[in-house]
Amino acid sequence: MNQYEQLEAKMNTEFDTYRDWLLTQPPEEILNHANEYNAKQEIMAALSDADLSPAQIETLLQVKMYNDL
């Protein structure tokens, strides 16, 4: 698995964890996080169009993207 594939897998795992957490919340809390959820989806979609250098990918691999749980 190359670095880009590792980054994609990492982001998917972190997004899935966030989504699973969000789905356990009451409806009002889910609505409070709707914009955040949408922004995270947009970041995931933007990854496919991003032209990242190996150094940028390595940096993103080191960062926990969704550390608000």
PDB file of N, CA and C in Angstrom:
ATOM      1  N   MET A   1       0.860  -1.178   0.000  1.00  0.00           N
ATOM      2  CA  MET A   1       0.000   0.000   0.000  1.00  0.00           C
ATOM      3  C   MET A   1       0.906   1.242   0.000  1.00  0.00           C
ATOM      4  N   ASN A   2       0.700   2.127  -0.963  1.00  0.00           N
ATOM      5  CA  ASN A   2       1.513   3.343  -1.018  1.00  0.00           C
ATOM      6  C   ASN A   2       0.991   4.378  -0.014  1.00  0.00           C
ATOM      7  N   GLN A   3       1.726   5.488   0.122  1.00  0.00           N
ATOM      8  CA  GLN A   3       1.368   6.502   1.120  1.00  0.00           C
ATOM      9  C   GLN A   3      -0.005   7.116   0.861  1.00  0.00           C
ATOM     10  N   TYR A   4      -0.329   7.356  -0.390  1.00  0.00           N
ATOM     11  CA  TYR A   4      -1.646   7.931  -0.704  1.00  0.00           C
ATOM     12  C   TYR A   4      -2.749   6.972  -0.272  1.00  0.00           C
ATOM     13  N   GLU A   5      -2.584   5.690  -0.561  1.00  0.00           N
ATOM     14  CA  GLU A   5      -3.585   4.697  -0.154  1.00  0.00           C
ATOM     15  C   GLU A   5      -3.679   4.596   1.363  1.00  0.00           C
ATOM     16  N   GLN A   6      -2.538   4.732   2.046  1.00  0.00           N
ATOM     17  CA  GLN A   6      -2.545   4.727   3.508  1.00  0.00           C
ATOM     18  C   GLN A   6      -3.329   5.923   4.039  1.00  0.00           C
ATOM     19  N   LEU A   7      -3.103   7.088   3.431  1.00  0.00           N
ATOM     20  CA  LEU A   7      -3.824   8.295   3.854  1.00  0.00           C
ATOM     21  C   LEU A   7      -5.323   8.140   3.613  1.00  0.00           C
ATOM     22  N   GLU A   8      -5.675   7.636   2.461  1.00  0.00           N
ATOM     23  CA  GLU A   8      -7.092   7.437   2.143  1.00  0.00           C
ATOM     24  C   GLU A   8      -7.736   6.470   3.133  1.00  0.00           C
ATOM     25  N   ALA A   9      -7.072   5.380   3.445  1.00  0.00           N
ATOM     26  CA  ALA A   9      -7.602   4.407   4.404  1.00  0.00           C
ATOM     27  C   ALA A   9      -7.729   5.018   5.791  1.00  0.00           C
ATOM     28  N   LYS A  10      -6.722   5.793   6.199  1.00  0.00           N
ATOM     29  CA  LYS A  10      -6.744   6.447   7.506  1.00  0.00           C
ATOM     30  C   LYS A  10      -7.914   7.417   7.604  1.00  0.00           C
ATOM     31  N   MET A  11      -8.089   8.238   6.570  1.00  0.00           N
ATOM     32  CA  MET A  11      -9.177   9.209   6.588  1.00  0.00           C
ATOM     33  C   MET A  11     -10.539   8.517   6.584  1.00  0.00           C
ATOM     34  N   ASN A  12     -10.670   7.452   5.815  1.00  0.00           N
ATOM     35  CA  ASN A  12     -11.932   6.705   5.797  1.00  0.00           C
ATOM     36  C   ASN A  12     -12.237   6.112   7.161  1.00  0.00           C
ATOM     37  N   THR A  13     -11.236   5.546   7.811  1.00  0.00           N
ATOM     38  CA  THR A  13     -11.432   4.959   9.137  1.00  0.00           C
ATOM     39  C   THR A  13     -11.842   6.016  10.146  1.00  0.00           C
ATOM     40  N   GLU A  14     -11.148   7.150  10.132  1.00  0.00           N
ATOM     41  CA  GLU A  14     -11.476   8.217  11.070  1.00  0.00           C
ATOM     42  C   GLU A  14     -12.860   8.808  10.789  1.00  0.00           C
ATOM     43  N   PHE A  15     -13.214   8.935   9.519  1.00  0.00           N
ATOM     44  CA  PHE A  15     -14.536   9.457   9.187  1.00  0.00           C
ATOM     45  C   PHE A  15     -15.618   8.475   9.626  1.00  0.00           C
ATOM     46  N   ASP A  16     -15.399   7.191   9.393  1.00  0.00           N
ATOM     47  CA  ASP A  16     -16.367   6.173   9.812  1.00  0.00           C
ATOM     48  C   ASP A  16     -16.554   6.183  11.325  1.00  0.00           C
ATOM     49  N   THR A  17     -15.459   6.362  12.057  1.00  0.00           N
ATOM     50  CA  THR A  17     -15.536   6.431  13.518  1.00  0.00           C
ATOM     51  C   THR A  17     -16.371   7.637  13.938  1.00  0.00           C
ATOM     52  N   TYR A  18     -16.138   8.768  13.301  1.00  0.00           N
ATOM     53  CA  TYR A  18     -16.908   9.977  13.602  1.00  0.00           C
ATOM     54  C   TYR A  18     -18.389   9.760  13.283  1.00  0.00           C
ATOM     55  N   ARG A  19     -18.673   9.216  12.109  1.00  0.00           N
ATOM     56  CA  ARG A  19     -20.063   8.972  11.714  1.00  0.00           C
ATOM     57  C   ARG A  19     -20.744   8.010  12.686  1.00  0.00           C
ATOM     58  N   ASP A  20     -20.049   6.938  13.073  1.00  0.00           N
ATOM     59  CA  ASP A  20     -20.632   5.977  14.017  1.00  0.00           C
ATOM     60  C   ASP A  20     -20.935   6.644  15.352  1.00  0.00           C
ATOM     61  N   TRP A  21     -20.024   7.505  15.820  1.00  0.00           N
ATOM     62  CA  TRP A  21     -20.270   8.233  17.060  1.00  0.00           C
ATOM     63  C   TRP A  21     -21.478   9.148  16.898  1.00  0.00           C
ATOM     64  N   LEU A  22     -21.525   9.866  15.786  1.00  0.00           N
ATOM     65  CA  LEU A  22     -22.614  10.814  15.551  1.00  0.00           C
ATOM     66  C   LEU A  22     -23.971  10.119  15.545  1.00  0.00           C
ATOM     67  N   LEU A  23     -24.027   8.936  14.986  1.00  0.00           N
ATOM     68  CA  LEU A  23     -25.292   8.206  14.909  1.00  0.00           C
ATOM     69  C   LEU A  23     -25.784   7.717  16.271  1.00  0.00           C
ATOM     70  N   THR A  24     -24.939   7.757  17.280  1.00  0.00           N
ATOM     71  CA  THR A  24     -25.377   7.364  18.631  1.00  0.00           C
ATOM     72  C   THR A  24     -25.914   8.552  19.418  1.00  0.00           C
ATOM     73  N   GLN A  25     -25.847   9.737  18.835  1.00  0.00           N
ATOM     74  CA  GLN A  25     -26.258  10.954  19.528  1.00  0.00           C
ATOM     75  C   GLN A  25     -27.753  11.208  19.323  1.00  0.00           C
ATOM     76  N   PRO A  26     -28.357  11.957  20.235  1.00  0.00           N
ATOM     77  CA  PRO A  26     -29.768  12.323  20.056  1.00  0.00           C
ATOM     78  C   PRO A  26     -29.934  13.234  18.836  1.00  0.00           C
ATOM     79  N   PRO A  27     -31.142  13.274  18.272  1.00  0.00           N
ATOM     80  CA  PRO A  27     -31.376  14.054  17.050  1.00  0.00           C
ATOM     81  C   PRO A  27     -30.892  15.506  17.124  1.00  0.00           C
ATOM     82  N   GLU A  28     -31.124  16.172  18.232  1.00  0.00           N
ATOM     83  CA  GLU A  28     -30.706  17.576  18.346  1.00  0.00           C
ATOM     84  C   GLU A  28     -29.183  17.704  18.231  1.00  0.00           C
ATOM     85  N   GLU A  29     -28.457  16.769  18.835  1.00  0.00           N
ATOM     86  CA  GLU A  29     -26.996  16.804  18.761  1.00  0.00           C
ATOM     87  C   GLU A  29     -26.519  16.508  17.335  1.00  0.00           C
ATOM     88  N   ILE A  30     -27.198  15.610  16.658  1.00  0.00           N
ATOM     89  CA  ILE A  30     -26.853  15.317  15.265  1.00  0.00           C
ATOM     90  C   ILE A  30     -27.019  16.581  14.415  1.00  0.00           C
ATOM     91  N   LEU A  31     -28.117  17.279  14.630  1.00  0.00           N
ATOM     92  CA  LEU A  31     -28.331  18.530  13.889  1.00  0.00           C
ATOM     93  C   LEU A  31     -27.260  19.567  14.219  1.00  0.00           C
ATOM     94  N   ASN A  32     -26.827  19.607  15.473  1.00  0.00           N
ATOM     95  CA  ASN A  32     -25.769  20.547  15.864  1.00  0.00           C
ATOM     96  C   ASN A  32     -24.456  20.256  15.136  1.00  0.00           C
ATOM     97  N   HIS A  33     -24.266  19.028  14.695  1.00  0.00           N
ATOM     98  CA  HIS A  33     -23.023  18.629  14.032  1.00  0.00           C
ATOM     99  C   HIS A  33     -23.180  18.495  12.516  1.00  0.00           C
ATOM    100  N   ALA A  34     -24.316  18.874  11.980  1.00  0.00           N
ATOM    101  CA  ALA A  34     -24.582  18.685  10.549  1.00  0.00           C
ATOM    102  C   ALA A  34     -23.558  19.403   9.668  1.00  0.00           C
ATOM    103  N   ASN A  35     -23.244  20.645   9.980  1.00  0.00           N
ATOM    104  CA  ASN A  35     -22.265  21.380   9.176  1.00  0.00           C
ATOM    105  C   ASN A  35     -20.885  20.758   9.275  1.00  0.00           C
ATOM    106  N   GLU A  36     -20.522  20.331  10.458  1.00  0.00           N
ATOM    107  CA  GLU A  36     -19.222  19.682  10.659  1.00  0.00           C
ATOM    108  C   GLU A  36     -19.145  18.379   9.858  1.00  0.00           C
ATOM    109  N   TYR A  37     -20.219  17.603   9.896  1.00  0.00           N
ATOM    110  CA  TYR A  37     -20.263  16.351   9.145  1.00  0.00           C
ATOM    111  C   TYR A  37     -20.105  16.626   7.648  1.00  0.00           C
ATOM    112  N   ASN A  38     -20.819  17.630   7.162  1.00  0.00           N
ATOM    113  CA  ASN A  38     -20.730  17.988   5.751  1.00  0.00           C
ATOM    114  C   ASN A  38     -19.322  18.437   5.380  1.00  0.00           C
ATOM    115  N   ALA A  39     -18.696  19.233   6.234  1.00  0.00           N
ATOM    116  CA  ALA A  39     -17.331  19.693   5.969  1.00  0.00           C
ATOM    117  C   ALA A  39     -16.364  18.514   5.902  1.00  0.00           C
ATOM    118  N   LYS A  40     -16.530  17.555   6.787  1.00  0.00           N
ATOM    119  CA  LYS A  40     -15.670  16.367   6.787  1.00  0.00           C
ATOM    120  C   LYS A  40     -15.887  15.553   5.501  1.00  0.00           C
ATOM    121  N   GLN A  41     -17.133  15.476   5.032  1.00  0.00           N
ATOM    122  CA  GLN A  41     -17.407  14.800   3.762  1.00  0.00           C
ATOM    123  C   GLN A  41     -16.717  15.523   2.607  1.00  0.00           C
ATOM    124  N   GLU A  42     -16.751  16.845   2.622  1.00  0.00           N
ATOM    125  CA  GLU A  42     -16.102  17.630   1.572  1.00  0.00           C
ATOM    126  C   GLU A  42     -14.590  17.416   1.570  1.00  0.00           C
ATOM    127  N   ILE A  43     -14.005  17.322   2.758  1.00  0.00           N
ATOM    128  CA  ILE A  43     -12.570  17.048   2.849  1.00  0.00           C
ATOM    129  C   ILE A  43     -12.262  15.691   2.240  1.00  0.00           C
ATOM    130  N   MET A  44     -13.085  14.714   2.536  1.00  0.00           N
ATOM    131  CA  MET A  44     -12.884  13.370   1.984  1.00  0.00           C
ATOM    132  C   MET A  44     -12.973  13.413   0.454  1.00  0.00           C
ATOM    133  N   ALA A  45     -13.942  14.141  -0.069  1.00  0.00           N
ATOM    134  CA  ALA A  45     -14.101  14.233  -1.519  1.00  0.00           C
ATOM    135  C   ALA A  45     -12.941  14.986  -2.157  1.00  0.00           C
ATOM    136  N   ALA A  46     -12.446  16.008  -1.485  1.00  0.00           N
ATOM    137  CA  ALA A  46     -11.342  16.804  -2.022  1.00  0.00           C
ATOM    138  C   ALA A  46     -10.051  16.005  -2.110  1.00  0.00           C
ATOM    139  N   LEU A  47      -9.910  15.001  -1.297  1.00  0.00           N
ATOM    140  CA  LEU A  47      -8.690  14.192  -1.317  1.00  0.00           C
ATOM    141  C   LEU A  47      -8.466  13.577  -2.690  1.00  0.00           C
ATOM    142  N   SER A  48      -9.531  13.173  -3.349  1.00  0.00           N
ATOM    143  CA  SER A  48      -9.377  12.527  -4.651  1.00  0.00           C
ATOM    144  C   SER A  48      -8.856  13.490  -5.715  1.00  0.00           C
ATOM    145  N   ASP A  49      -9.079  14.803  -5.530  1.00  0.00           N
ATOM    146  CA  ASP A  49      -8.609  15.804  -6.485  1.00  0.00           C
ATOM    147  C   ASP A  49      -7.297  16.463  -6.068  1.00  0.00           C
ATOM    148  N   ALA A  50      -6.829  16.149  -4.871  1.00  0.00           N
ATOM    149  CA  ALA A  50      -5.648  16.823  -4.337  1.00  0.00           C
ATOM    150  C   ALA A  50      -4.381  16.301  -5.001  1.00  0.00           C
ATOM    151  N   ASP A  51      -3.479  17.215  -5.252  1.00  0.00           N
ATOM    152  CA  ASP A  51      -2.170  16.856  -5.785  1.00  0.00           C
ATOM    153  C   ASP A  51      -1.164  17.088  -4.660  1.00  0.00           C
ATOM    154  N   LEU A  52      -1.069  16.112  -3.766  1.00  0.00           N
ATOM    155  CA  LEU A  52      -0.239  16.250  -2.579  1.00  0.00           C
ATOM    156  C   LEU A  52       1.153  15.689  -2.814  1.00  0.00           C
ATOM    157  N   SER A  53       2.124  16.380  -2.254  1.00  0.00           N
ATOM    158  CA  SER A  53       3.501  15.887  -2.323  1.00  0.00           C
ATOM    159  C   SER A  53       3.667  14.758  -1.308  1.00  0.00           C
ATOM    160  N   PRO A  54       4.689  13.940  -1.469  1.00  0.00           N
ATOM    161  CA  PRO A  54       4.952  12.899  -0.471  1.00  0.00           C
ATOM    162  C   PRO A  54       5.116  13.474   0.938  1.00  0.00           C
ATOM    163  N   ALA A  55       5.736  14.636   1.060  1.00  0.00           N
ATOM    164  CA  ALA A  55       5.905  15.257   2.380  1.00  0.00           C
ATOM    165  C   ALA A  55       4.559  15.665   2.980  1.00  0.00           C
ATOM    166  N   GLN A  56       3.665  16.188   2.150  1.00  0.00           N
ATOM    167  CA  GLN A  56       2.332  16.564   2.640  1.00  0.00           C
ATOM    168  C   GLN A  56       1.553  15.331   3.080  1.00  0.00           C
ATOM    169  N   ILE A  57       1.638  14.273   2.297  1.00  0.00           N
ATOM    170  CA  ILE A  57       0.947  13.040   2.661  1.00  0.00           C
ATOM    171  C   ILE A  57       1.489  12.502   3.971  1.00  0.00           C
ATOM    172  N   GLU A  58       2.807  12.500   4.127  1.00  0.00           N
ATOM    173  CA  GLU A  58       3.423  12.021   5.367  1.00  0.00           C
ATOM    174  C   GLU A  58       2.951  12.836   6.562  1.00  0.00           C
ATOM    175  N   THR A  59       2.865  14.148   6.400  1.00  0.00           N
ATOM    176  CA  THR A  59       2.383  15.002   7.480  1.00  0.00           C
ATOM    177  C   THR A  59       0.946  14.659   7.837  1.00  0.00           C
ATOM    178  N   LEU A  60       0.097  14.490   6.842  1.00  0.00           N
ATOM    179  CA  LEU A  60      -1.307  14.153   7.105  1.00  0.00           C
ATOM    180  C   LEU A  60      -1.450  12.784   7.752  1.00  0.00           C
ATOM    181  N   LEU A  61      -0.549  11.871   7.441  1.00  0.00           N
ATOM    182  CA  LEU A  61      -0.582  10.553   8.073  1.00  0.00           C
ATOM    183  C   LEU A  61      -0.267  10.650   9.567  1.00  0.00           C
ATOM    184  N   GLN A  62       0.454  11.678   9.969  1.00  0.00           N
ATOM    185  CA  GLN A  62       0.840  11.846  11.372  1.00  0.00           C
ATOM    186  C   GLN A  62      -0.255  12.501  12.217  1.00  0.00           C
ATOM    187  N   VAL A  63      -1.220  13.148  11.564  1.00  0.00           N
ATOM    188  CA  VAL A  63      -2.226  13.945  12.262  1.00  0.00           C
ATOM    189  C   VAL A  63      -3.521  13.161  12.407  1.00  0.00           C
ATOM    190  N   LYS A  64      -4.128  13.229  13.605  1.00  0.00           N
ATOM    191  CA  LYS A  64      -5.463  12.674  13.783  1.00  0.00           C
ATOM    192  C   LYS A  64      -6.447  13.728  13.288  1.00  0.00           C
ATOM    193  N   MET A  65      -7.164  13.383  12.231  1.00  0.00           N
ATOM    194  CA  MET A  65      -8.028  14.367  11.577  1.00  0.00           C
ATOM    195  C   MET A  65      -9.234  14.768  12.416  1.00  0.00           C
ATOM    196  N   TYR A  66      -9.851  13.812  13.059  1.00  0.00           N
ATOM    197  CA  TYR A  66     -11.100  14.069  13.770  1.00  0.00           C
ATOM    198  C   TYR A  66     -10.881  13.843  15.252  1.00  0.00           C
ATOM    199  N   ASN A  67     -10.167  14.752  15.882  1.00  0.00           N
ATOM    200  CA  ASN A  67      -9.816  14.558  17.280  1.00  0.00           C
ATOM    201  C   ASN A  67     -10.837  15.182  18.237  1.00  0.00           C
ATOM    202  N   ASP A  68     -12.041  15.424  17.761  1.00  0.00           N
ATOM    203  CA  ASP A  68     -13.053  16.059  18.604  1.00  0.00           C
ATOM    204  C   ASP A  68     -13.967  15.057  19.292  1.00  0.00           C
ATOM    205  N   LEU A  69     -13.656  13.775  19.212  1.00  0.00           N
ATOM    206  CA  LEU A  69     -14.509  12.781  19.880  1.00  0.00           C
ATOM    207  C   LEU A  69     -14.031  12.534  21.283  1.00  0.00           C
TER     208      LEU A  69
END
